[in-house]
């Protein structure tokens, strides 16, 4: 599935979709990955989704990630 799709399961450990993450970021005005992970309780088990979570933050706010 396309990582830009709202249905994309970004955090496999906690079964969290990109859409859920985008909505949470917008509702709580989150710009920091560490804060997002703590407040949503995602990205803190295996850590495999942290790069994608940062990409979503960057996409929501139009930031250019250094990882692109």
N, C-alpha and C. Protein backbone atom coordinates (compact mmCIF):
# COMPACT_ATOMS: atom_id res chain seq x y z
N UNK A 1 0.84 -1.18 0.00
CA UNK A 1 0.00 0.00 0.00
C UNK A 1 0.89 1.25 0.00
N UNK A 2 0.42 2.27 -0.65
CA UNK A 2 1.14 3.55 -0.74
C UNK A 2 1.25 4.19 0.64
N UNK A 3 2.46 4.61 1.01
CA UNK A 3 2.69 5.23 2.32
C UNK A 3 1.95 6.56 2.47
N UNK A 4 1.49 7.14 1.38
CA UNK A 4 0.75 8.41 1.44
C UNK A 4 -0.75 8.18 1.66
N UNK A 5 -1.20 6.94 1.56
CA UNK A 5 -2.61 6.61 1.77
C UNK A 5 -2.98 6.74 3.24
N UNK A 6 -4.14 7.29 3.52
CA UNK A 6 -4.60 7.42 4.91
C UNK A 6 -4.83 6.05 5.54
N UNK A 7 -5.02 5.02 4.73
CA UNK A 7 -5.24 3.66 5.25
C UNK A 7 -3.95 2.90 5.50
N UNK A 8 -2.82 3.47 5.11
CA UNK A 8 -1.52 2.82 5.31
C UNK A 8 -1.27 2.61 6.80
N UNK A 9 -0.98 1.37 7.18
CA UNK A 9 -0.72 1.05 8.59
C UNK A 9 0.73 1.40 8.90
N UNK A 10 0.93 2.57 9.47
CA UNK A 10 2.27 3.09 9.69
C UNK A 10 2.94 2.41 10.88
N UNK A 11 2.20 2.14 11.94
CA UNK A 11 2.75 1.46 13.11
C UNK A 11 2.13 0.07 13.20
N UNK A 12 2.91 -0.93 12.82
CA UNK A 12 2.41 -2.30 12.81
C UNK A 12 2.21 -2.84 14.22
N UNK A 13 3.05 -2.43 15.15
CA UNK A 13 2.95 -2.94 16.53
C UNK A 13 1.62 -2.55 17.17
N UNK A 14 1.16 -1.33 16.88
CA UNK A 14 -0.06 -0.82 17.52
C UNK A 14 -1.21 -0.63 16.53
N UNK A 15 -1.03 -1.15 15.30
CA UNK A 15 -2.09 -1.13 14.28
C UNK A 15 -2.66 0.28 14.07
N UNK A 16 -1.77 1.24 13.84
CA UNK A 16 -2.17 2.64 13.70
C UNK A 16 -1.98 3.09 12.26
N UNK A 17 -3.00 3.72 11.69
CA UNK A 17 -2.94 4.15 10.29
C UNK A 17 -2.39 5.56 10.16
N UNK A 18 -1.95 5.86 8.96
CA UNK A 18 -1.46 7.21 8.65
C UNK A 18 -2.56 8.24 8.91
N UNK A 19 -3.79 7.91 8.55
CA UNK A 19 -4.90 8.83 8.77
C UNK A 19 -5.08 9.17 10.24
N UNK A 20 -4.99 8.18 11.10
CA UNK A 20 -5.11 8.42 12.54
C UNK A 20 -3.99 9.32 13.03
N UNK A 21 -2.79 9.09 12.53
CA UNK A 21 -1.63 9.89 12.92
C UNK A 21 -1.80 11.33 12.42
N UNK A 22 -2.19 11.49 11.16
CA UNK A 22 -2.39 12.84 10.61
C UNK A 22 -3.43 13.61 11.42
N UNK A 23 -4.54 12.96 11.73
CA UNK A 23 -5.61 13.62 12.48
C UNK A 23 -5.13 14.03 13.87
N UNK A 24 -4.36 13.17 14.51
CA UNK A 24 -3.84 13.47 15.86
C UNK A 24 -2.86 14.63 15.81
N UNK A 25 -1.97 14.62 14.81
CA UNK A 25 -0.99 15.70 14.65
C UNK A 25 -1.71 17.04 14.49
N UNK A 26 -2.72 17.06 13.64
CA UNK A 26 -3.45 18.31 13.38
C UNK A 26 -4.24 18.76 14.60
N UNK A 27 -4.90 17.83 15.26
CA UNK A 27 -5.74 18.17 16.42
C UNK A 27 -4.93 18.70 17.59
N UNK A 28 -3.71 18.17 17.73
CA UNK A 28 -2.88 18.53 18.89
C UNK A 28 -1.68 19.41 18.52
N UNK A 29 -1.62 19.79 17.24
CA UNK A 29 -0.55 20.68 16.73
C UNK A 29 0.84 20.17 17.09
N UNK A 30 1.05 18.91 16.84
CA UNK A 30 2.33 18.28 17.18
C UNK A 30 3.32 18.46 16.04
N UNK A 31 4.53 18.89 16.39
CA UNK A 31 5.59 19.06 15.40
C UNK A 31 6.83 18.25 15.75
N UNK A 32 6.82 17.58 16.89
CA UNK A 32 7.99 16.86 17.39
C UNK A 32 7.70 15.36 17.45
N UNK A 33 8.60 14.57 16.86
CA UNK A 33 8.42 13.12 16.81
C UNK A 33 8.33 12.49 18.20
N UNK A 34 9.19 12.89 19.10
CA UNK A 34 9.20 12.31 20.45
C UNK A 34 7.87 12.57 21.16
N UNK A 35 7.36 13.77 21.02
CA UNK A 35 6.07 14.10 21.64
C UNK A 35 4.95 13.29 21.00
N UNK A 36 4.96 13.17 19.68
CA UNK A 36 3.96 12.36 18.99
C UNK A 36 3.96 10.93 19.51
N UNK A 37 5.14 10.33 19.59
CA UNK A 37 5.25 8.94 20.03
C UNK A 37 4.74 8.77 21.46
N UNK A 38 5.08 9.70 22.33
CA UNK A 38 4.62 9.61 23.73
C UNK A 38 3.12 9.80 23.84
N UNK A 39 2.59 10.82 23.17
CA UNK A 39 1.17 11.13 23.32
C UNK A 39 0.26 10.12 22.63
N UNK A 40 0.71 9.55 21.50
CA UNK A 40 -0.10 8.55 20.81
C UNK A 40 0.22 7.13 21.24
N UNK A 41 1.30 6.97 22.00
CA UNK A 41 1.79 5.66 22.40
C UNK A 41 2.05 4.77 21.18
N UNK A 42 2.80 5.33 20.23
CA UNK A 42 3.23 4.59 19.05
C UNK A 42 4.71 4.86 18.83
N UNK A 43 5.35 4.02 18.01
CA UNK A 43 6.76 4.23 17.68
C UNK A 43 7.71 3.97 18.83
N UNK A 44 7.21 3.32 19.87
CA UNK A 44 8.04 3.11 21.06
C UNK A 44 8.21 1.64 21.43
N UNK A 45 7.80 0.76 20.52
CA UNK A 45 7.98 -0.67 20.78
C UNK A 45 9.18 -1.16 19.97
N UNK A 46 9.01 -1.37 18.68
CA UNK A 46 10.14 -1.81 17.85
C UNK A 46 10.88 -0.62 17.22
N UNK A 47 10.18 0.52 17.08
CA UNK A 47 10.80 1.72 16.51
C UNK A 47 10.86 1.74 14.99
N UNK A 48 10.36 0.70 14.35
CA UNK A 48 10.44 0.60 12.90
C UNK A 48 9.65 1.65 12.14
N UNK A 49 8.71 2.29 12.79
CA UNK A 49 7.85 3.26 12.10
C UNK A 49 8.30 4.71 12.31
N UNK A 50 9.31 4.93 13.10
CA UNK A 50 9.68 6.30 13.48
C UNK A 50 10.05 7.17 12.27
N UNK A 51 10.73 6.60 11.30
CA UNK A 51 11.07 7.37 10.10
C UNK A 51 9.80 7.78 9.35
N UNK A 52 8.85 6.85 9.23
CA UNK A 52 7.58 7.16 8.57
C UNK A 52 6.78 8.19 9.37
N UNK A 53 6.81 8.09 10.69
CA UNK A 53 6.10 9.06 11.53
C UNK A 53 6.67 10.46 11.33
N UNK A 54 7.98 10.57 11.23
CA UNK A 54 8.61 11.87 10.98
C UNK A 54 8.20 12.39 9.61
N UNK A 55 8.12 11.50 8.63
CA UNK A 55 7.70 11.88 7.28
C UNK A 55 6.27 12.44 7.32
N UNK A 56 5.40 11.84 8.12
CA UNK A 56 4.02 12.31 8.22
C UNK A 56 3.98 13.70 8.84
N UNK A 57 4.74 13.91 9.91
CA UNK A 57 4.82 15.25 10.51
C UNK A 57 5.28 16.26 9.46
N UNK A 58 6.32 15.92 8.73
CA UNK A 58 6.85 16.80 7.69
C UNK A 58 5.80 17.09 6.62
N UNK A 59 5.07 16.05 6.21
CA UNK A 59 4.03 16.21 5.19
C UNK A 59 2.90 17.12 5.68
N UNK A 60 2.47 16.93 6.91
CA UNK A 60 1.36 17.72 7.46
C UNK A 60 1.71 19.21 7.47
N UNK A 61 2.94 19.53 7.82
CA UNK A 61 3.34 20.93 7.95
C UNK A 61 4.11 21.46 6.75
N UNK A 62 4.33 20.61 5.74
CA UNK A 62 5.05 21.05 4.55
C UNK A 62 6.54 21.22 4.77
N UNK A 63 7.06 20.54 5.81
CA UNK A 63 8.49 20.59 6.09
C UNK A 63 9.22 19.73 5.07
N UNK A 64 10.48 20.04 4.83
CA UNK A 64 11.34 19.21 4.01
C UNK A 64 12.23 18.42 4.94
N UNK A 65 12.08 17.10 4.91
CA UNK A 65 12.86 16.24 5.79
C UNK A 65 14.26 16.06 5.24
N UNK A 66 15.23 15.99 6.11
CA UNK A 66 16.60 15.75 5.71
C UNK A 66 16.82 14.34 5.21
N UNK A 67 15.82 13.47 5.40
CA UNK A 67 15.93 12.07 4.98
C UNK A 67 15.41 11.86 3.58
N UNK A 68 14.89 12.89 2.93
CA UNK A 68 14.29 12.73 1.61
C UNK A 68 15.33 12.58 0.54
